[in-house]
Amino acid sequence: MIFMRALLIAFCWMQSLPTAAQIEVRVKPQNPPLSAHQAATEAYQALNAGDQAMAAHFLALAIEQTADEARRHQWALDLGHIQSALARHAQAAQSFLLAFSIRPKAESLASAGYAFLAAGDQPAARDVFAQLVEKAPDHPVYHRQLAYLCRHDGDMACARTHFITALGLDHDPLILEQTRREMRALDRIIWGSASLLWRTDGPDDESLLLGDRVLSQSQGIIEANGRLPLWLGSPDRWMAGFARLLWSVDGADPLPQAKSEQAGFGLKLKPFASQAIIVGAERLVSVGDFARDDWLVRVSGSWGAGYERPVAHQGSSWLFWSVFGDIAGIGFEKTDWQMNGEGRIGRSWQKNGFILTPHLLLSGLWQDDRSGRTSLLEGGPGLTIALPFGGSARQAPAQKIELTTQLRINLAGTSDNDEGLSIILSFSF
């Protein structure tokens, strides 16, 4: 009897125990979804703790949970800034566009435009800034940004229109100067130069050295270039046709010496947007008795800074440096080779419109042609006096007269050039 009673008590106790499902419900109750206020609170607490990713997550939830336009607008703006800080630029652009759709303020749309730029979406950014110049036509920053985007797409008419509009609205002299330089670059369709070089130590030879900047003999050069209307994927890639005339001179007389005139025409290609490397092919045409009919192919590159006062520079002088290199091959059956390079470093001052640049130079020349093989390395001090002119309220000066005087000292090489003074007078446009 006692045993049966114990079994009955044990059975009743087991029936009173909760099931596994009941235990699961008690241990893991269903959490109700966060309200908009709770999600926003979690977001800003995460932001204060430095957890931007969690803050972005909860702000997105808060925006979904509320219909209050004021809160949605502010939270969308905050979410866009957090996503920008996280480098989620495409998402940030959409958040700013959401804020703009709720309250159409130009600042929200501009933030979306800059986010599209950061994301690399140039077409979307251009669409946004096109809307901005209609919504805020008196804002020069929006016109200038749209001009850069138009230029990037090769739409030079659009770029010119909005740069000009920005010039009429801006008042900051530094920004005005930068925009005037952009206008000068846009209008650089035809350019050229004329120069005369006198060297007291130059060889008395009517045959011409056909290299570019580094010359070992006295001569004159006239060159004209015209940019071809071809779009090569960037405004900083281009192809141009050119023609030039060279001649050797004797002493101070700038006229051609002994029928030395050499003409040439051809094409130049700048294949890289970010590098000043030029590839050219030229047909040489003999005009004088000492000229030649042949083909010339060359590759040249130049790098430098300080050719004019940097826009934001506040001091009375600035650093100038330049490096140039050139290699040319003439003829296909028996190729004549010419290589030259030059580096300059100095400091520039601007006074009364003139730019004075004392500098040190190092130049080298190597050639292997029908006259034999020769080399020359020179160095020494120099002074350049430049006068830019021809500018306007819309464009920085595009013309320049320049006088360079250098004392060239032989450092190495097999050339029989004497040491001496060189003077270069040039005009460029």
Protein backbone atom coordinates (compact mmCIF):
# COMPACT_ATOMS: atom_id res chain seq x y z
CA MET A 1 0.00 0.00 0.00
CA ILE A 2 2.74 2.38 0.93
CA PHE A 3 4.55 1.51 -2.34
CA MET A 4 1.43 2.19 -4.46
CA ARG A 5 0.91 5.54 -2.76
CA ALA A 6 4.50 6.60 -3.51
CA LEU A 7 4.06 5.72 -7.17
CA LEU A 8 0.87 7.79 -7.35
CA ILE A 9 2.55 10.82 -5.79
CA ALA A 10 5.54 10.55 -8.18
CA PHE A 11 3.20 10.31 -11.19
CA CYS A 12 1.26 13.40 -10.14
CA TRP A 13 4.50 15.36 -9.62
CA MET A 14 5.76 14.50 -13.08
CA GLN A 15 2.46 15.60 -14.64
CA SER A 16 2.94 19.02 -13.05
CA LEU A 17 6.36 19.58 -14.69
CA PRO A 18 6.44 22.10 -17.68
CA THR A 19 6.95 20.73 -21.20
CA ALA A 20 10.04 21.52 -23.36
CA ALA A 21 7.97 23.91 -25.45
CA GLN A 22 6.81 25.68 -22.30
CA ILE A 23 10.41 25.94 -21.13
CA GLU A 24 11.45 27.41 -24.55
CA VAL A 25 8.72 30.03 -24.35
CA ARG A 26 9.74 31.03 -20.84
CA VAL A 27 13.46 31.14 -21.63
CA LYS A 28 13.21 32.87 -25.06
CA PRO A 29 10.17 35.09 -25.12
CA GLN A 30 9.38 36.88 -28.40
CA ASN A 31 10.85 40.46 -28.30
CA PRO A 32 8.52 43.08 -29.71
CA PRO A 33 10.07 45.26 -32.54
CA LEU A 34 11.79 48.46 -31.43
CA SER A 35 9.83 51.65 -31.80
CA ALA A 36 11.27 54.50 -33.84
CA HIS A 37 12.21 56.33 -30.64
CA GLN A 38 13.93 53.27 -29.17
CA ALA A 39 15.84 52.58 -32.40
CA ALA A 40 16.99 56.21 -32.63
CA THR A 41 18.08 56.09 -28.98
CA GLU A 42 20.09 52.94 -29.65
CA ALA A 43 21.62 54.60 -32.74
CA TYR A 44 22.84 57.72 -30.97
CA GLN A 45 24.11 55.69 -27.99
CA ALA A 46 26.10 53.53 -30.43
CA LEU A 47 27.40 56.67 -32.14
CA ASN A 48 28.54 58.13 -28.80
CA ALA A 49 30.30 54.83 -28.11
CA GLY A 50 32.12 55.09 -31.44
CA ASP A 51 30.25 52.24 -33.15
CA GLN A 52 29.23 53.93 -36.41
CA ALA A 53 28.17 50.70 -38.14
CA MET A 54 25.67 49.90 -35.36
CA ALA A 55 24.50 53.50 -35.35
CA ALA A 56 23.78 53.30 -39.09
CA HIS A 57 21.86 50.04 -38.55
CA PHE A 58 19.57 51.45 -35.85
CA LEU A 59 19.03 54.78 -37.66
CA ALA A 60 17.85 52.89 -40.75
CA LEU A 61 15.38 51.00 -38.49
CA ALA A 62 14.20 54.26 -36.91
CA ILE A 63 13.50 55.78 -40.32
CA GLU A 64 11.42 52.72 -41.28
CA GLN A 65 9.40 52.84 -38.05
CA THR A 66 8.24 56.47 -38.17
CA ALA A 67 6.01 58.52 -40.41
CA ASP A 68 7.00 61.79 -38.75
CA GLU A 69 8.55 63.85 -41.60
CA ALA A 70 10.68 66.05 -39.36
CA ARG A 71 12.28 63.02 -37.70
CA ARG A 72 12.69 61.13 -40.96
CA HIS A 73 14.38 64.16 -42.53
CA GLN A 74 16.85 64.65 -39.67
CA TRP A 75 17.57 60.93 -39.27
CA ALA A 76 18.12 60.55 -43.03
CA LEU A 77 20.67 63.39 -42.97
CA ASP A 78 22.43 61.91 -39.94
CA LEU A 79 22.43 58.47 -41.57
CA GLY A 80 23.95 59.91 -44.74
CA HIS A 81 26.81 61.53 -42.79
CA ILE A 82 27.46 58.31 -40.84
CA GLN A 83 27.50 56.27 -44.06
CA SER A 84 29.93 58.77 -45.61
CA ALA A 85 32.23 58.35 -42.60
CA LEU A 86 32.02 54.58 -43.15
CA ALA A 87 32.93 55.11 -46.86
CA ARG A 88 29.52 53.74 -47.89
CA HIS A 89 29.18 56.61 -50.33
CA ALA A 90 26.54 55.12 -52.63
CA GLN A 91 24.29 54.41 -49.61
CA ALA A 92 24.98 57.89 -48.26
CA ALA A 93 23.84 59.42 -51.54
CA GLN A 94 20.53 57.58 -51.28
CA SER A 95 20.05 58.74 -47.69
CA PHE A 96 20.66 62.37 -48.69
CA LEU A 97 18.24 61.98 -51.60
CA LEU A 98 15.65 60.64 -49.13
CA ALA A 99 16.16 63.72 -46.96
CA PHE A 100 15.76 65.91 -50.04
CA SER A 101 12.53 64.14 -51.04
CA ILE A 102 11.08 64.91 -47.60
CA ARG A 103 12.26 68.53 -47.46
CA PRO A 104 13.68 69.74 -50.80
CA LYS A 105 16.64 71.78 -49.54
CA ALA A 106 19.59 72.45 -51.82
CA GLU A 107 22.07 71.47 -49.09
CA SER A 108 20.67 67.91 -48.94
CA LEU A 109 20.84 67.56 -52.71
CA ALA A 110 24.41 68.90 -52.74
CA SER A 111 25.40 66.33 -50.11
CA ALA A 112 23.97 63.62 -52.39
CA GLY A 113 25.97 65.00 -55.31
CA TYR A 114 29.25 64.95 -53.39
CA ALA A 115 28.47 61.42 -52.14
CA PHE A 116 27.94 60.27 -55.73
CA LEU A 117 31.31 61.84 -56.61
CA ALA A 118 32.99 60.01 -53.72
CA ALA A 119 31.37 56.78 -54.95
CA GLY A 120 32.77 57.38 -58.45
CA ASP A 121 29.33 57.75 -60.04
CA GLN A 122 30.03 60.75 -62.28
CA PRO A 123 26.79 60.57 -64.33
CA ALA A 124 24.62 60.58 -61.20
CA ALA A 125 26.65 63.44 -59.74
CA ARG A 126 26.25 65.47 -62.92
CA ASP A 127 22.47 64.93 -62.86
CA VAL A 128 22.34 66.11 -59.24
CA PHE A 129 24.38 69.26 -59.86
CA ALA A 130 22.34 70.03 -62.98
CA GLN A 131 19.30 70.06 -60.69
CA LEU A 132 21.16 72.19 -58.16
CA VAL A 133 22.03 75.01 -60.57
CA GLU A 134 18.32 75.24 -61.40
CA LYS A 135 17.26 75.17 -57.77
CA ALA A 136 20.02 77.54 -56.55
CA PRO A 137 21.14 79.51 -59.65
CA ASP A 138 23.06 82.10 -57.61
CA HIS A 139 25.33 79.56 -55.91
CA PRO A 140 28.77 79.66 -57.64
CA VAL A 141 30.02 76.41 -56.05
CA TYR A 142 27.30 74.38 -57.78
CA HIS A 143 28.02 75.97 -61.17
CA ARG A 144 31.75 75.36 -60.79
CA GLN A 145 31.27 71.71 -59.78
CA LEU A 146 28.93 71.14 -62.72
CA ALA A 147 31.53 72.71 -65.01
CA TYR A 148 34.16 70.22 -63.82
CA LEU A 149 31.75 67.32 -64.40
CA CYS A 150 30.90 68.57 -67.89
CA ARG A 151 34.61 68.89 -68.65
CA HIS A 152 35.16 65.32 -67.43
CA ASP A 153 32.53 64.15 -69.96
CA GLY A 154 34.04 66.16 -72.80
CA ASP A 155 31.11 68.62 -72.90
CA MET A 156 33.27 71.73 -73.23
CA ALA A 157 30.37 74.04 -74.12
CA CYS A 158 28.60 73.10 -70.87
CA ALA A 159 31.85 73.49 -68.90
CA ARG A 160 32.53 76.92 -70.39
CA THR A 161 28.96 78.11 -69.67
CA HIS A 162 29.07 77.19 -65.99
CA PHE A 163 32.66 78.37 -65.40
CA ILE A 164 31.65 81.76 -66.82
CA THR A 165 28.54 81.82 -64.62
CA ALA A 166 30.64 80.98 -61.55
CA LEU A 167 33.05 83.81 -62.42
CA GLY A 168 30.15 86.25 -62.34
CA LEU A 169 28.99 85.02 -58.92
CA ASP A 170 32.24 84.38 -57.02
CA HIS A 171 33.97 87.00 -54.89
CA ASP A 172 36.90 85.04 -53.45
CA PRO A 173 40.01 86.19 -55.40
CA LEU A 174 41.74 82.82 -55.05
CA ILE A 175 38.75 80.90 -56.42
CA LEU A 176 38.35 83.47 -59.20
CA GLU A 177 41.99 83.02 -60.22
CA GLN A 178 41.66 79.22 -60.26
CA THR A 179 38.54 79.45 -62.41
CA ARG A 180 40.27 81.86 -64.82
CA ARG A 181 43.05 79.29 -65.23
CA GLU A 182 40.47 76.59 -65.93
CA MET A 183 39.01 78.82 -68.65
CA ARG A 184 42.48 79.27 -70.16
CA ALA A 185 42.92 75.50 -70.31
CA LEU A 186 39.48 75.05 -71.93
CA ASP A 187 40.27 77.54 -74.66
CA ARG A 188 43.69 76.05 -75.48
CA ILE A 189 42.79 74.79 -78.93
CA ILE A 190 45.58 76.48 -80.90
CA TRP A 191 48.96 77.19 -79.34
CA GLY A 192 52.49 77.78 -80.46
CA SER A 193 55.80 79.51 -79.88
CA ALA A 194 58.66 81.35 -81.53
CA SER A 195 62.15 81.41 -80.05
CA LEU A 196 65.73 82.42 -80.78
CA LEU A 197 68.70 80.78 -79.06
CA TRP A 198 72.18 82.30 -79.12
CA ARG A 199 75.12 80.35 -77.77
CA THR A 200 78.53 81.95 -77.58
CA ASP A 201 80.03 78.45 -77.44
CA GLY A 202 77.89 76.80 -80.12
CA PRO A 203 79.45 74.95 -83.03
CA ASP A 204 79.67 76.77 -86.34
CA ASP A 205 77.53 74.27 -88.27
CA GLU A 206 74.66 74.81 -90.67
CA SER A 207 73.15 71.36 -90.01
CA LEU A 208 70.44 71.40 -87.40
CA LEU A 209 69.96 69.51 -84.17
CA LEU A 210 66.32 68.46 -84.37
CA GLY A 211 65.77 67.73 -80.68
CA ASP A 212 63.47 69.74 -78.48
CA ARG A 213 64.41 72.09 -75.64
CA VAL A 214 68.08 71.25 -75.07
CA LEU A 215 70.06 72.73 -77.96
CA SER A 216 73.83 72.88 -78.42
CA GLN A 217 73.83 75.40 -81.26
CA SER A 218 72.40 78.83 -82.06
CA GLN A 219 69.12 78.54 -83.91
CA GLY A 220 65.57 79.79 -84.31
CA ILE A 221 62.33 77.83 -84.08
CA ILE A 222 58.72 78.63 -84.95
CA GLU A 223 56.03 76.10 -84.12
CA ALA A 224 52.21 76.04 -84.24
CA ASN A 225 49.87 73.36 -82.85
CA GLY A 226 46.15 72.71 -83.30
CA ARG A 227 44.15 70.30 -81.17
CA LEU A 228 42.07 67.86 -83.20
CA PRO A 229 38.35 67.49 -82.33
CA LEU A 230 38.75 63.92 -81.06
CA TRP A 231 37.45 62.63 -77.73
CA LEU A 232 39.94 60.20 -76.18
CA GLY A 233 38.07 59.49 -72.97
CA SER A 234 39.46 62.41 -70.96
CA PRO A 235 39.94 66.15 -71.56
CA ASP A 236 43.58 65.63 -70.57
CA ARG A 237 44.22 63.18 -73.41
CA TRP A 238 44.47 64.75 -76.84
CA MET A 239 45.88 64.61 -80.34
CA ALA A 240 47.16 67.66 -82.18
CA GLY A 241 48.56 68.49 -85.57
CA PHE A 242 51.65 70.67 -85.72
CA ALA A 243 54.06 72.34 -88.09
CA ARG A 244 57.42 73.93 -87.39
CA LEU A 245 60.31 75.71 -89.05
CA LEU A 246 63.90 75.66 -87.75
CA TRP A 247 67.07 77.39 -88.89
CA SER A 248 70.60 77.93 -87.58
CA VAL A 249 71.86 81.46 -86.92
CA ASP A 250 75.27 83.06 -86.88
CA GLY A 251 76.15 85.44 -84.07
CA ALA A 252 73.50 88.02 -83.22
CA ASP A 253 71.87 87.82 -86.63
CA PRO A 254 68.48 86.06 -86.21
CA LEU A 255 68.13 85.35 -89.94
CA PRO A 256 68.78 81.83 -91.30
CA GLN A 257 72.39 80.94 -91.92
CA ALA A 258 73.47 79.54 -95.31
CA LYS A 259 70.15 78.02 -96.35
CA SER A 260 69.77 75.97 -93.18
CA GLU A 261 65.95 76.12 -93.09
CA GLN A 262 64.30 72.88 -92.00
CA ALA A 263 60.51 72.42 -92.02
CA GLY A 264 58.41 69.67 -90.53
CA PHE A 265 54.79 68.74 -89.88
CA GLY A 266 53.08 65.87 -88.11
CA LEU A 267 50.91 64.65 -85.25
CA LYS A 268 51.32 64.66 -81.48
CA LEU A 269 49.50 62.39 -79.04
CA LYS A 270 49.19 62.81 -75.28
CA PRO A 271 48.03 59.29 -74.33
CA PHE A 272 47.97 59.63 -70.53
CA ALA A 273 45.62 61.96 -68.68
CA SER A 274 47.82 62.31 -65.60
CA GLN A 275 51.27 62.43 -67.23
CA ALA A 276 52.77 65.03 -69.58
CA ILE A 277 54.17 62.45 -72.01
CA ILE A 278 53.93 63.29 -75.71
CA VAL A 279 54.43 60.86 -78.60
CA GLY A 280 54.99 62.46 -81.99
CA ALA A 281 55.55 61.55 -85.60
CA GLU A 282 56.90 64.19 -88.00
CA ARG A 283 57.65 64.43 -91.68
CA LEU A 284 60.79 66.49 -92.17
CA VAL A 285 60.81 68.67 -95.28
CA SER A 286 64.03 70.19 -96.56
CA VAL A 287 63.86 73.89 -97.38
CA GLY A 288 67.53 74.84 -97.24
CA ASP A 289 70.47 73.00 -98.74
CA PHE A 290 71.55 71.59 -95.36
CA ALA A 291 68.09 70.33 -94.38
CA ARG A 292 66.79 66.79 -94.87
CA ASP A 293 63.72 64.92 -96.08
CA ASP A 294 62.97 62.10 -93.69
CA TRP A 295 60.73 60.81 -90.90
CA LEU A 296 61.20 61.67 -87.23
CA VAL A 297 59.56 59.84 -84.33
CA ARG A 298 59.96 61.11 -80.77
CA VAL A 299 58.78 60.55 -77.21
CA SER A 300 59.13 63.37 -74.70
CA GLY A 301 58.02 63.97 -71.14
CA SER A 302 58.06 66.91 -68.78
CA TRP A 303 57.27 67.44 -65.12
CA GLY A 304 57.46 70.53 -62.97
CA ALA A 305 55.82 73.10 -60.75
CA GLY A 306 55.96 76.82 -60.11
CA TYR A 307 55.73 78.09 -63.69
CA GLU A 308 53.34 80.72 -62.27
CA ARG A 309 52.37 81.71 -58.75
CA PRO A 310 50.44 78.88 -57.04
CA VAL A 311 46.86 80.01 -56.48
CA ALA A 312 46.81 79.67 -52.69
CA HIS A 313 50.42 80.82 -52.15
CA GLN A 314 50.73 83.74 -49.75
CA GLY A 315 54.49 84.41 -49.73
CA SER A 316 56.51 86.71 -51.98
CA SER A 317 58.33 83.80 -53.68
CA TRP A 318 57.72 80.17 -54.51
CA LEU A 319 59.65 77.06 -55.53
CA PHE A 320 60.18 76.37 -59.21
CA TRP A 321 61.43 73.12 -60.70
CA SER A 322 61.20 71.38 -64.04
CA VAL A 323 62.48 68.15 -65.60
CA PHE A 324 62.37 67.40 -69.31
CA GLY A 325 63.46 64.37 -71.33
CA ASP A 326 63.29 63.58 -75.05
CA ILE A 327 64.34 60.74 -77.35
CA ALA A 328 64.05 61.01 -81.13
CA GLY A 329 64.81 58.69 -84.01
CA ILE A 330 65.26 60.02 -87.56
CA GLY A 331 65.01 57.79 -90.62
CA PHE A 332 64.03 54.16 -90.95
CA GLU A 333 66.84 52.64 -93.05
CA LYS A 334 69.67 53.98 -90.90
CA THR A 335 68.21 55.65 -87.83
CA ASP A 336 69.93 58.66 -86.31
CA TRP A 337 69.32 58.89 -82.57
CA GLN A 338 69.15 61.98 -80.40
CA MET A 339 68.50 62.03 -76.66
CA ASN A 340 68.47 65.05 -74.42
CA GLY A 341 67.27 66.09 -71.00
CA GLU A 342 67.30 69.08 -68.74
CA GLY A 343 66.49 69.83 -65.11
CA ARG A 344 66.08 73.22 -63.48
CA ILE A 345 65.45 74.21 -59.87
CA GLY A 346 65.11 77.71 -58.50
CA ARG A 347 62.85 80.21 -56.84
CA SER A 348 60.44 82.66 -58.46
CA TRP A 349 59.36 86.18 -57.56
CA GLN A 350 56.57 88.21 -59.17
CA LYS A 351 56.81 91.99 -59.32
CA ASN A 352 54.92 94.47 -61.50
CA GLY A 353 53.66 91.66 -63.70
CA PHE A 354 57.13 90.18 -64.32
CA ILE A 355 58.20 86.77 -62.97
CA LEU A 356 61.91 86.48 -62.12
CA THR A 357 63.33 82.99 -61.64
CA PRO A 358 67.01 82.52 -60.79
CA HIS A 359 67.81 78.84 -61.13
CA LEU A 360 70.44 76.13 -61.42
CA LEU A 361 70.38 73.82 -64.41
CA LEU A 362 71.77 70.49 -65.48
CA SER A 363 71.41 69.45 -69.10
CA GLY A 364 72.61 66.51 -71.13
CA LEU A 365 72.78 65.57 -74.80
CA TRP A 366 73.66 62.32 -76.57
CA GLN A 367 73.43 61.75 -80.30
CA ASP A 368 74.46 59.10 -82.77
CA ASP A 369 73.93 60.27 -86.35
CA ARG A 370 75.61 60.67 -89.72
CA SER A 371 78.15 63.04 -88.15
CA GLY A 372 79.24 60.53 -85.53
CA ARG A 373 78.53 59.92 -81.87
CA THR A 374 78.83 62.66 -79.30
CA SER A 375 77.72 63.49 -75.78
CA LEU A 376 77.59 66.56 -73.60
CA LEU A 377 76.73 67.24 -69.93
CA GLU A 378 76.45 70.86 -68.81
CA GLY A 379 75.47 72.70 -65.67
CA GLY A 380 75.40 76.20 -64.32
CA PRO A 381 73.35 79.14 -63.08
CA GLY A 382 70.61 80.93 -64.98
CA LEU A 383 67.99 83.66 -64.78
CA THR A 384 64.58 83.72 -66.48
CA ILE A 385 62.49 86.89 -66.77
CA ALA A 386 58.95 86.24 -67.95
CA LEU A 387 56.08 88.61 -68.74
CA PRO A 388 52.66 86.92 -68.98
CA PHE A 389 50.03 89.01 -70.76
CA GLY A 390 46.75 88.82 -72.64
CA GLY A 391 44.54 87.89 -69.68
CA SER A 392 41.00 89.11 -69.06
CA ALA A 393 38.33 89.01 -66.37
CA ARG A 394 37.33 85.57 -67.67
CA GLN A 395 40.72 84.05 -68.46
CA ALA A 396 44.23 83.96 -67.04
CA PRO A 397 47.03 85.23 -69.31
CA ALA A 398 47.72 82.77 -72.13
CA GLN A 399 50.61 84.63 -73.81
CA LYS A 400 54.12 85.06 -72.48
CA ILE A 401 57.41 86.69 -73.45
CA GLU A 402 60.41 85.08 -71.80
CA LEU A 403 64.13 85.87 -71.67
CA THR A 404 66.47 83.23 -70.24
CA THR A 405 70.19 83.79 -69.72
CA GLN A 406 72.40 80.90 -68.61
CA LEU A 407 76.08 80.27 -68.05
CA ARG A 408 76.69 76.71 -69.24
CA ILE A 409 79.76 74.93 -67.88
CA ASN A 410 80.95 71.67 -69.40
CA LEU A 411 80.91 68.83 -66.87
CA ALA A 412 81.44 65.75 -69.04
CA GLY A 413 81.10 64.39 -72.57
CA THR A 414 82.91 64.19 -75.87
CA SER A 415 81.46 67.31 -77.48
CA ASP A 416 83.91 70.07 -78.40
CA ASN A 417 81.47 72.81 -77.32
CA ASP A 418 83.19 75.57 -75.40
CA GLU A 419 81.80 76.81 -72.10
CA GLY A 420 79.90 80.04 -72.38
CA LEU A 421 76.75 82.10 -72.24
CA SER A 422 73.43 81.17 -73.81
CA ILE A 423 70.47 83.51 -74.31
CA ILE A 424 66.96 82.38 -75.26
CA LEU A 425 64.27 84.85 -76.24
CA SER A 426 60.84 83.32 -76.76
CA PHE A 427 57.19 84.17 -77.27
CA SER A 428 54.44 81.63 -76.60
CA PHE A 429 50.70 81.71 -76.97
